[in-house]
Amino acid sequence: MSDWKRGPLLNASATGSDTVEMRRHALTVLLALIAGFAGAALWSVTGLGDRQTRSYLVANPDILPEMASALQRQDAQRRLAGIEDQVTSAFPGAVLGNPQGTRTLVEFSDYACGYCKASLPHVKALVAADPDLKVVIREWPIFPGSEEAARMSLAAAKQGKFAAFHDAMYAHGPPSPDTVRRAAEVAGLDLAQAQATARSEEVTRELAQNMAWAEQLGFTGTPSWIAGGEIIQGAVGPDRLRGALNGTGGG
């Protein structure tokens, strides 16, 4: 996950006009970070950047996180427009928790991703606490060597043994031909059938679709999540995910 970087502090010895100008530039930079450089340009060249507005924002900095959250929600709605129903509908069987649940958490994950493995107990805790939660796993194998594991997990889903393979793969990983086979055996798969399914056009289309959706949603790595209409990236922990599901943010 990327860390926000702090800009240079204002020089306390600057003159009044310099201070106003520096605040103006600081706010322009902030808006660039929050809304993109197009928003910053709009701030700079329109009446939105007048002295009264700048003074209000400087005097009330607590509203800036609210602005950022609102802009993030709007951006998530824009990215999800037209695909939310599809991306929250699981590949047959690739679900944790309640398959008929009315509350949905989507995770884009990779079995070679250490942060995905670290997030597994968080997902399990959310499932244990909420019998109405459906967790849709979207296999997105972006690390070298992980595609075979992703394919076998979808084959396990087709046999109704997705959760068992999911747990076993993380337990026996990182992905390799040996660990994938071992996880399949532990999950009790019909191995010949699973291998045929893993090579099928259906599974290939699923992986390609997941990659296309990840690109459209602006994901840059795993794990990445959709929860409560929010787009979230990184191993953010159960409280953040629960807050998104409940519509309360969660920090």
C-alpha atoms as a PDB file:
ATOM      1  CA  MET A   1       0.000   0.000   0.000  1.00  0.00           C
ATOM      2  CA  SER A   2       1.299   3.406  -0.788  1.00  0.00           C
ATOM      3  CA  ASP A   3       1.921   5.880   2.014  1.00  0.00           C
ATOM      4  CA  TRP A   4       0.754   9.463   1.791  1.00  0.00           C
ATOM      5  CA  LYS A   5       3.751  11.803   1.740  1.00  0.00           C
ATOM      6  CA  ARG A   6       3.647  15.017   3.643  1.00  0.00           C
ATOM      7  CA  GLY A   7       4.381  18.231   1.779  1.00  0.00           C
ATOM      8  CA  PRO A   8       6.879  20.807   3.103  1.00  0.00           C
ATOM      9  CA  LEU A   9       5.716  22.745   6.135  1.00  0.00           C
ATOM     10  CA  LEU A  10       4.882  26.418   5.748  1.00  0.00           C
ATOM     11  CA  ASN A  11       7.700  28.713   6.795  1.00  0.00           C
ATOM     12  CA  ALA A  12       6.570  30.557   9.914  1.00  0.00           C
ATOM     13  CA  SER A  13       8.775  33.540   9.019  1.00  0.00           C
ATOM     14  CA  ALA A  14       7.155  34.111   5.613  1.00  0.00           C
ATOM     15  CA  THR A  15       5.426  37.401   4.958  1.00  0.00           C
ATOM     16  CA  GLY A  16       1.625  37.638   4.991  1.00  0.00           C
ATOM     17  CA  SER A  17       1.323  37.630   1.201  1.00  0.00           C
ATOM     18  CA  ASP A  18       3.813  34.788   0.925  1.00  0.00           C
ATOM     19  CA  THR A  19       1.886  32.790   3.504  1.00  0.00           C
ATOM     20  CA  VAL A  20      -1.388  33.206   1.626  1.00  0.00           C
ATOM     21  CA  GLU A  21       0.306  32.190  -1.603  1.00  0.00           C
ATOM     22  CA  MET A  22       1.916  29.188   0.046  1.00  0.00           C
ATOM     23  CA  ARG A  23      -1.429  28.153   1.509  1.00  0.00           C
ATOM     24  CA  ARG A  24      -2.946  28.523  -1.928  1.00  0.00           C
ATOM     25  CA  HIS A  25      -0.301  26.221  -3.406  1.00  0.00           C
ATOM     26  CA  ALA A  26      -0.595  23.782  -0.496  1.00  0.00           C
ATOM     27  CA  LEU A  27      -4.343  23.532  -1.039  1.00  0.00           C
ATOM     28  CA  THR A  28      -3.797  23.127  -4.766  1.00  0.00           C
ATOM     29  CA  VAL A  29      -1.418  20.216  -4.057  1.00  0.00           C
ATOM     30  CA  LEU A  30      -3.911  18.705  -1.606  1.00  0.00           C
ATOM     31  CA  LEU A  31      -6.720  18.898  -4.125  1.00  0.00           C
ATOM     32  CA  ALA A  32      -4.420  17.391  -6.729  1.00  0.00           C
ATOM     33  CA  LEU A  33      -3.860  14.427  -4.431  1.00  0.00           C
ATOM     34  CA  ILE A  34      -7.559  14.106  -3.614  1.00  0.00           C
ATOM     35  CA  ALA A  35      -9.265  14.913  -6.894  1.00  0.00           C
ATOM     36  CA  GLY A  36      -6.516  14.657  -9.479  1.00  0.00           C
ATOM     37  CA  PHE A  37      -4.697  17.442 -11.263  1.00  0.00           C
ATOM     38  CA  ALA A  38      -7.761  18.392 -13.274  1.00  0.00           C
ATOM     39  CA  GLY A  39      -9.471  19.297  -9.992  1.00  0.00           C
ATOM     40  CA  ALA A  40      -6.449  21.271  -8.882  1.00  0.00           C
ATOM     41  CA  ALA A  41      -6.455  23.233 -12.132  1.00  0.00           C
ATOM     42  CA  LEU A  42     -10.133  24.002 -11.655  1.00  0.00           C
ATOM     43  CA  TRP A  43      -9.340  25.231  -8.141  1.00  0.00           C
ATOM     44  CA  SER A  44      -6.565  27.466  -9.408  1.00  0.00           C
ATOM     45  CA  VAL A  45      -8.298  29.157 -12.334  1.00  0.00           C
ATOM     46  CA  THR A  46     -11.898  29.521 -11.109  1.00  0.00           C
ATOM     47  CA  GLY A  47     -13.624  31.317  -8.270  1.00  0.00           C
ATOM     48  CA  LEU A  48     -13.434  28.169  -6.167  1.00  0.00           C
ATOM     49  CA  GLY A  49      -9.995  29.282  -5.078  1.00  0.00           C
ATOM     50  CA  ASP A  50     -10.971  32.683  -3.727  1.00  0.00           C
ATOM     51  CA  ARG A  51      -9.661  34.045  -0.444  1.00  0.00           C
ATOM     52  CA  GLN A  52     -12.861  33.335   1.498  1.00  0.00           C
ATOM     53  CA  THR A  53     -12.922  29.678   0.511  1.00  0.00           C
ATOM     54  CA  ARG A  54      -9.236  29.257   1.268  1.00  0.00           C
ATOM     55  CA  SER A  55      -9.627  30.890   4.649  1.00  0.00           C
ATOM     56  CA  TYR A  56     -12.576  28.663   5.500  1.00  0.00           C
ATOM     57  CA  LEU A  57     -10.672  25.510   4.608  1.00  0.00           C
ATOM     58  CA  VAL A  58      -7.587  26.608   6.549  1.00  0.00           C
ATOM     59  CA  ALA A  59      -9.783  27.377   9.579  1.00  0.00           C
ATOM     60  CA  ASN A  60     -11.699  24.097   9.243  1.00  0.00           C
ATOM     61  CA  PRO A  61      -9.200  21.432   8.192  1.00  0.00           C
ATOM     62  CA  ASP A  62     -11.427  18.694   9.629  1.00  0.00           C
ATOM     63  CA  ILE A  63     -13.641  18.862   6.538  1.00  0.00           C
ATOM     64  CA  LEU A  64     -10.786  17.841   4.236  1.00  0.00           C
ATOM     65  CA  PRO A  65     -10.977  14.123   5.184  1.00  0.00           C
ATOM     66  CA  GLU A  66     -14.733  14.308   4.583  1.00  0.00           C
ATOM     67  CA  MET A  67     -14.078  15.825   1.148  1.00  0.00           C
ATOM     68  CA  ALA A  68     -11.574  13.085   0.392  1.00  0.00           C
ATOM     69  CA  SER A  69     -14.011  10.357   1.464  1.00  0.00           C
ATOM     70  CA  ALA A  70     -16.815  11.848  -0.629  1.00  0.00           C
ATOM     71  CA  LEU A  71     -14.562  12.069  -3.679  1.00  0.00           C
ATOM     72  CA  GLN A  72     -13.376   8.497  -3.168  1.00  0.00           C
ATOM     73  CA  ARG A  73     -16.985   7.286  -2.979  1.00  0.00           C
ATOM     74  CA  GLN A  74     -17.837   9.170  -6.163  1.00  0.00           C
ATOM     75  CA  ASP A  75     -14.790   7.695  -7.888  1.00  0.00           C
ATOM     76  CA  ALA A  76     -15.757   4.179  -6.746  1.00  0.00           C
ATOM     77  CA  GLN A  77     -19.291   4.663  -8.071  1.00  0.00           C
ATOM     78  CA  ARG A  78     -17.880   5.809 -11.406  1.00  0.00           C
ATOM     79  CA  ARG A  79     -15.552   2.826 -11.703  1.00  0.00           C
ATOM     80  CA  LEU A  80     -18.229   0.339 -10.636  1.00  0.00           C
ATOM     81  CA  ALA A  81     -20.870   1.776 -12.956  1.00  0.00           C
ATOM     82  CA  GLY A  82     -22.107  -0.893 -15.312  1.00  0.00           C
ATOM     83  CA  ILE A  83     -20.056  -3.755 -13.836  1.00  0.00           C
ATOM     84  CA  GLU A  84     -21.009  -3.972 -10.152  1.00  0.00           C
ATOM     85  CA  ASP A  85     -23.630  -6.681 -10.650  1.00  0.00           C
ATOM     86  CA  GLN A  86     -21.229  -8.822 -12.656  1.00  0.00           C
ATOM     87  CA  VAL A  87     -18.175  -8.353 -10.457  1.00  0.00           C
ATOM     88  CA  THR A  88     -20.134  -9.205  -7.291  1.00  0.00           C
ATOM     89  CA  SER A  89     -21.573 -12.373  -8.883  1.00  0.00           C
ATOM     90  CA  ALA A  90     -19.223 -15.266  -8.178  1.00  0.00           C
ATOM     91  CA  PHE A  91     -17.782 -17.827 -10.529  1.00  0.00           C
ATOM     92  CA  PRO A  92     -19.870 -20.910  -9.682  1.00  0.00           C
ATOM     93  CA  GLY A  93     -18.793 -22.088  -6.239  1.00  0.00           C
ATOM     94  CA  ALA A  94     -15.981 -19.561  -5.686  1.00  0.00           C
ATOM     95  CA  VAL A  95     -17.535 -18.212  -2.514  1.00  0.00           C
ATOM     96  CA  LEU A  96     -16.736 -18.181   1.197  1.00  0.00           C
ATOM     97  CA  GLY A  97     -19.402 -17.679   3.846  1.00  0.00           C
ATOM     98  CA  ASN A  98     -23.071 -17.754   2.890  1.00  0.00           C
ATOM     99  CA  PRO A  99     -23.524 -18.293  -0.880  1.00  0.00           C
ATOM    100  CA  GLN A 100     -27.016 -16.789  -0.593  1.00  0.00           C
ATOM    101  CA  GLY A 101     -25.944 -13.913   1.652  1.00  0.00           C
ATOM    102  CA  THR A 102     -27.308 -10.461   0.950  1.00  0.00           C
ATOM    103  CA  ARG A 103     -24.140  -8.648   2.098  1.00  0.00           C
ATOM    104  CA  THR A 104     -21.249  -9.094  -0.310  1.00  0.00           C
ATOM    105  CA  LEU A 105     -17.508  -8.655   0.062  1.00  0.00           C
ATOM    106  CA  VAL A 106     -15.418  -9.137  -3.087  1.00  0.00           C
ATOM    107  CA  GLU A 107     -11.724  -9.979  -2.835  1.00  0.00           C
ATOM    108  CA  PHE A 108      -9.313  -9.971  -5.769  1.00  0.00           C
ATOM    109  CA  SER A 109      -6.539 -12.273  -4.594  1.00  0.00           C
ATOM    110  CA  ASP A 110      -3.457 -14.261  -5.580  1.00  0.00           C
ATOM    111  CA  TYR A 111      -2.184 -17.380  -3.788  1.00  0.00           C
ATOM    112  CA  ALA A 112       1.402 -16.117  -4.078  1.00  0.00           C
ATOM    113  CA  CYS A 113       0.505 -12.875  -2.276  1.00  0.00           C
ATOM    114  CA  GLY A 114       1.653 -12.730   1.336  1.00  0.00           C
ATOM    115  CA  TYR A 115      -0.820  -9.974   2.159  1.00  0.00           C
ATOM    116  CA  CYS A 116      -3.671 -12.116   0.808  1.00  0.00           C
ATOM    117  CA  LYS A 117      -2.574 -14.929   3.103  1.00  0.00           C
ATOM    118  CA  ALA A 118      -2.378 -12.495   6.020  1.00  0.00           C
ATOM    119  CA  SER A 119      -5.929 -11.334   5.221  1.00  0.00           C
ATOM    120  CA  LEU A 120      -7.383 -14.847   5.305  1.00  0.00           C
ATOM    121  CA  PRO A 121      -8.040 -14.858   9.074  1.00  0.00           C
ATOM    122  CA  HIS A 122      -9.644 -11.414   8.747  1.00  0.00           C
ATOM    123  CA  VAL A 123     -12.057 -12.728   6.132  1.00  0.00           C
ATOM    124  CA  LYS A 124     -12.812 -15.761   8.281  1.00  0.00           C
ATOM    125  CA  ALA A 125     -13.528 -13.536  11.266  1.00  0.00           C
ATOM    126  CA  LEU A 126     -15.964 -11.444   9.221  1.00  0.00           C
ATOM    127  CA  VAL A 127     -17.709 -14.589   7.979  1.00  0.00           C
ATOM    128  CA  ALA A 128     -17.948 -16.039  11.487  1.00  0.00           C
ATOM    129  CA  ALA A 129     -19.479 -12.824  12.815  1.00  0.00           C
ATOM    130  CA  ASP A 130     -22.000 -12.336  10.001  1.00  0.00           C
ATOM    131  CA  PRO A 131     -24.083 -15.302   8.785  1.00  0.00           C
ATOM    132  CA  ASP A 132     -25.468 -13.110   5.992  1.00  0.00           C
ATOM    133  CA  LEU A 133     -22.042 -12.367   4.491  1.00  0.00           C
ATOM    134  CA  LYS A 134     -21.069 -13.720   1.074  1.00  0.00           C
ATOM    135  CA  VAL A 135     -17.383 -13.409   0.158  1.00  0.00           C
ATOM    136  CA  VAL A 136     -16.798 -13.560  -3.592  1.00  0.00           C
ATOM    137  CA  ILE A 137     -13.231 -14.536  -4.441  1.00  0.00           C
ATOM    138  CA  ARG A 138     -11.991 -13.270  -7.781  1.00  0.00           C
ATOM    139  CA  GLU A 139      -8.838 -15.134  -8.758  1.00  0.00           C
ATOM    140  CA  TRP A 140      -6.305 -12.623 -10.089  1.00  0.00           C
ATOM    141  CA  PRO A 141      -2.952 -14.402 -10.526  1.00  0.00           C
ATOM    142  CA  ILE A 142      -0.497 -11.571 -11.026  1.00  0.00           C
ATOM    143  CA  PHE A 143       2.560 -13.109  -9.351  1.00  0.00           C
ATOM    144  CA  PRO A 144       4.839 -15.493 -11.264  1.00  0.00           C
ATOM    145  CA  GLY A 145       3.817 -19.119 -10.851  1.00  0.00           C
ATOM    146  CA  SER A 146       0.395 -18.475  -9.348  1.00  0.00           C
ATOM    147  CA  GLU A 147      -1.823 -19.090 -12.378  1.00  0.00           C
ATOM    148  CA  GLU A 148      -1.903 -22.863 -11.897  1.00  0.00           C
ATOM    149  CA  ALA A 149      -3.144 -22.396  -8.323  1.00  0.00           C
ATOM    150  CA  ALA A 150      -5.819 -19.954  -9.496  1.00  0.00           C
ATOM    151  CA  ARG A 151      -7.000 -22.391 -12.156  1.00  0.00           C
ATOM    152  CA  MET A 152      -7.135 -25.295  -9.713  1.00  0.00           C
ATOM    153  CA  SER A 153      -9.097 -23.212  -7.201  1.00  0.00           C
ATOM    154  CA  LEU A 154     -11.767 -22.552  -9.832  1.00  0.00           C
ATOM    155  CA  ALA A 155     -11.780 -26.269 -10.635  1.00  0.00           C
ATOM    156  CA  ALA A 156     -12.280 -26.917  -6.914  1.00  0.00           C
ATOM    157  CA  ALA A 157     -15.180 -24.453  -6.959  1.00  0.00           C
ATOM    158  CA  LYS A 158     -16.836 -26.473  -9.711  1.00  0.00           C
ATOM    159  CA  GLN A 159     -16.579 -29.542  -7.454  1.00  0.00           C
ATOM    160  CA  GLY A 160     -18.065 -27.707  -4.472  1.00  0.00           C
ATOM    161  CA  LYS A 161     -14.764 -27.738  -2.577  1.00  0.00           C
ATOM    162  CA  PHE A 162     -13.536 -24.203  -3.042  1.00  0.00           C
ATOM    163  CA  ALA A 163     -13.164 -23.306   0.657  1.00  0.00           C
ATOM    164  CA  ALA A 164     -11.220 -26.479   1.380  1.00  0.00           C
ATOM    165  CA  PHE A 165      -8.794 -25.848  -1.489  1.00  0.00           C
ATOM    166  CA  HIS A 166      -8.527 -22.140  -0.633  1.00  0.00           C
ATOM    167  CA  ASP A 167      -7.399 -22.933   2.913  1.00  0.00           C
ATOM    168  CA  ALA A 168      -5.119 -25.775   1.838  1.00  0.00           C
ATOM    169  CA  MET A 169      -3.415 -23.719  -0.863  1.00  0.00           C
ATOM    170  CA  TYR A 170      -2.507 -20.956   1.568  1.00  0.00           C
ATOM    171  CA  ALA A 171      -1.388 -23.562   4.114  1.00  0.00           C
ATOM    172  CA  HIS A 172       0.853 -25.446   1.655  1.00  0.00           C
ATOM    173  CA  GLY A 173       2.007 -22.571  -0.562  1.00  0.00           C
ATOM    174  CA  PRO A 174       3.700 -20.713  -2.122  1.00  0.00           C
ATOM    175  CA  PRO A 175       2.253 -22.017  -5.384  1.00  0.00           C
ATOM    176  CA  SER A 176       4.193 -24.655  -7.260  1.00  0.00           C
ATOM    177  CA  PRO A 177       3.107 -27.803  -9.100  1.00  0.00           C
ATOM    178  CA  ASP A 178       3.774 -29.818  -5.926  1.00  0.00           C
ATOM    179  CA  THR A 179       1.909 -27.517  -3.547  1.00  0.00           C
ATOM    180  CA  VAL A 180      -1.049 -27.155  -5.909  1.00  0.00           C
ATOM    181  CA  ARG A 181      -1.323 -30.923  -6.184  1.00  0.00           C
ATOM    182  CA  ARG A 182      -0.987 -31.317  -2.416  1.00  0.00           C
ATOM    183  CA  ALA A 183      -3.716 -28.730  -1.768  1.00  0.00           C
ATOM    184  CA  ALA A 184      -5.975 -30.498  -4.276  1.00  0.00           C
ATOM    185  CA  GLU A 185      -5.432 -33.811  -2.491  1.00  0.00           C
ATOM    186  CA  VAL A 186      -6.086 -32.283   0.935  1.00  0.00           C
ATOM    187  CA  ALA A 187      -9.304 -30.704  -0.393  1.00  0.00           C
ATOM    188  CA  GLY A 188     -10.423 -34.094  -1.700  1.00  0.00           C
ATOM    189  CA  LEU A 189     -10.658 -33.154  -5.376  1.00  0.00           C
ATOM    190  CA  ASP A 190     -11.175 -35.582  -8.194  1.00  0.00           C
ATOM    191  CA  LEU A 191      -7.761 -34.705  -9.555  1.00  0.00           C
ATOM    192  CA  ALA A 192      -8.250 -35.832 -13.151  1.00  0.00           C
ATOM    193  CA  GLN A 193     -11.511 -33.948 -13.422  1.00  0.00           C
ATOM    194  CA  ALA A 194     -10.011 -30.876 -11.725  1.00  0.00           C
ATOM    195  CA  GLN A 195      -7.050 -30.810 -14.086  1.00  0.00           C
ATOM    196  CA  ALA A 196      -9.371 -30.924 -17.084  1.00  0.00           C
ATOM    197  CA  THR A 197     -11.535 -28.132 -15.649  1.00  0.00           C
ATOM    198  CA  ALA A 198      -8.462 -26.034 -14.838  1.00  0.00           C
ATOM    199  CA  ARG A 199      -7.498 -26.103 -18.526  1.00  0.00           C
ATOM    200  CA  SER A 200     -11.033 -25.334 -19.731  1.00  0.00           C
ATOM    201  CA  GLU A 201     -12.114 -22.303 -21.730  1.00  0.00           C
ATOM    202  CA  GLU A 202     -14.540 -21.406 -18.929  1.00  0.00           C
ATOM    203  CA  VAL A 203     -11.701 -20.984 -16.445  1.00  0.00           C
ATOM    204  CA  THR A 204      -9.542 -19.118 -18.960  1.00  0.00           C
ATOM    205  CA  ARG A 205     -12.388 -16.663 -19.619  1.00  0.00           C
ATOM    206  CA  GLU A 206     -12.880 -16.134 -15.883  1.00  0.00           C
ATOM    207  CA  LEU A 207      -9.241 -15.226 -15.310  1.00  0.00           C
ATOM    208  CA  ALA A 208      -9.220 -12.881 -18.301  1.00  0.00           C
ATOM    209  CA  GLN A 209     -12.426 -11.208 -17.104  1.00  0.00           C
ATOM    210  CA  ASN A 210     -11.038 -10.745 -13.601  1.00  0.00           C
ATOM    211  CA  MET A 211      -7.932  -9.094 -15.034  1.00  0.00           C
ATOM    212  CA  ALA A 212     -10.048  -6.745 -17.138  1.00  0.00           C
ATOM    213  CA  TRP A 213     -12.218  -5.814 -14.160  1.00  0.00           C
ATOM    214  CA  ALA A 214      -9.159  -5.213 -11.962  1.00  0.00           C
ATOM    215  CA  GLU A 215      -7.780  -2.839 -14.577  1.00  0.00           C
ATOM    216  CA  GLN A 216     -11.104  -1.004 -14.886  1.00  0.00           C
ATOM    217  CA  LEU A 217     -11.355  -0.662 -11.113  1.00  0.00           C
ATOM    218  CA  GLY A 218      -7.845   0.766 -10.906  1.00  0.00           C
ATOM    219  CA  PHE A 219      -6.398  -2.026  -8.768  1.00  0.00           C
ATOM    220  CA  THR A 220      -2.617  -2.091  -8.615  1.00  0.00           C
ATOM    221  CA  GLY A 221      -2.101  -5.228  -6.535  1.00  0.00           C
ATOM    222  CA  THR A 222      -3.595  -7.810  -4.231  1.00  0.00           C
ATOM    223  CA  PRO A 223      -5.543  -8.044  -2.081  1.00  0.00           C
ATOM    224  CA  SER A 224      -8.087  -5.588  -3.439  1.00  0.00           C
ATOM    225  CA  TRP A 225     -11.681  -5.367  -2.286  1.00  0.00           C
ATOM    226  CA  ILE A 226     -15.173  -4.159  -3.080  1.00  0.00           C
ATOM    227  CA  ALA A 227     -17.340  -3.633  -0.016  1.00  0.00           C
ATOM    228  CA  GLY A 228     -20.434  -1.524   0.469  1.00  0.00           C
ATOM    229  CA  GLY A 229     -19.839   0.233  -2.842  1.00  0.00           C
ATOM    230  CA  GLU A 230     -16.281   1.136  -1.813  1.00  0.00           C
ATOM    231  CA  ILE A 231     -13.101   0.194  -3.649  1.00  0.00           C
ATOM    232  CA  ILE A 232     -10.320  -0.685  -1.221  1.00  0.00           C
ATOM    233  CA  GLN A 233      -6.746  -1.803  -1.793  1.00  0.00           C
ATOM    234  CA  GLY A 234      -4.314  -3.608   0.481  1.00  0.00           C
ATOM    235  CA  ALA A 235      -4.365  -5.698   3.642  1.00  0.00           C
ATOM    236  CA  VAL A 236      -6.496  -3.183   5.525  1.00  0.00           C
ATOM    237  CA  GLY A 237      -7.732  -5.445   8.321  1.00  0.00           C
ATOM    238  CA  PRO A 238     -11.192  -6.577   9.419  1.00  0.00           C
ATOM    239  CA  ASP A 239     -12.332  -3.299  10.977  1.00  0.00           C
ATOM    240  CA  ARG A 240     -11.869  -1.385   7.731  1.00  0.00           C
ATOM    241  CA  LEU A 241     -13.707  -4.037   5.740  1.00  0.00           C
ATOM    242  CA  ARG A 242     -16.502  -4.269   8.308  1.00  0.00           C
ATOM    243  CA  GLY A 243     -16.871  -0.511   8.301  1.00  0.00           C
ATOM    244  CA  ALA A 244     -17.180  -0.467   4.512  1.00  0.00           C
ATOM    245  CA  LEU A 245     -19.770  -3.244   4.597  1.00  0.00           C
ATOM    246  CA  ASN A 246     -21.724  -1.333   7.230  1.00  0.00           C
ATOM    247  CA  GLY A 247     -21.364   1.990   5.433  1.00  0.00           C
ATOM    248  CA  THR A 248     -19.386   3.545   8.279  1.00  0.00           C
ATOM    249  CA  GLY A 249     -15.939   3.648   6.684  1.00  0.00           C
ATOM    250  CA  GLY A 250     -13.971   2.022   9.448  1.00  0.00           C
ATOM    251  CA  GLY A 251     -10.907   4.281   9.241  1.00  0.00           C
END
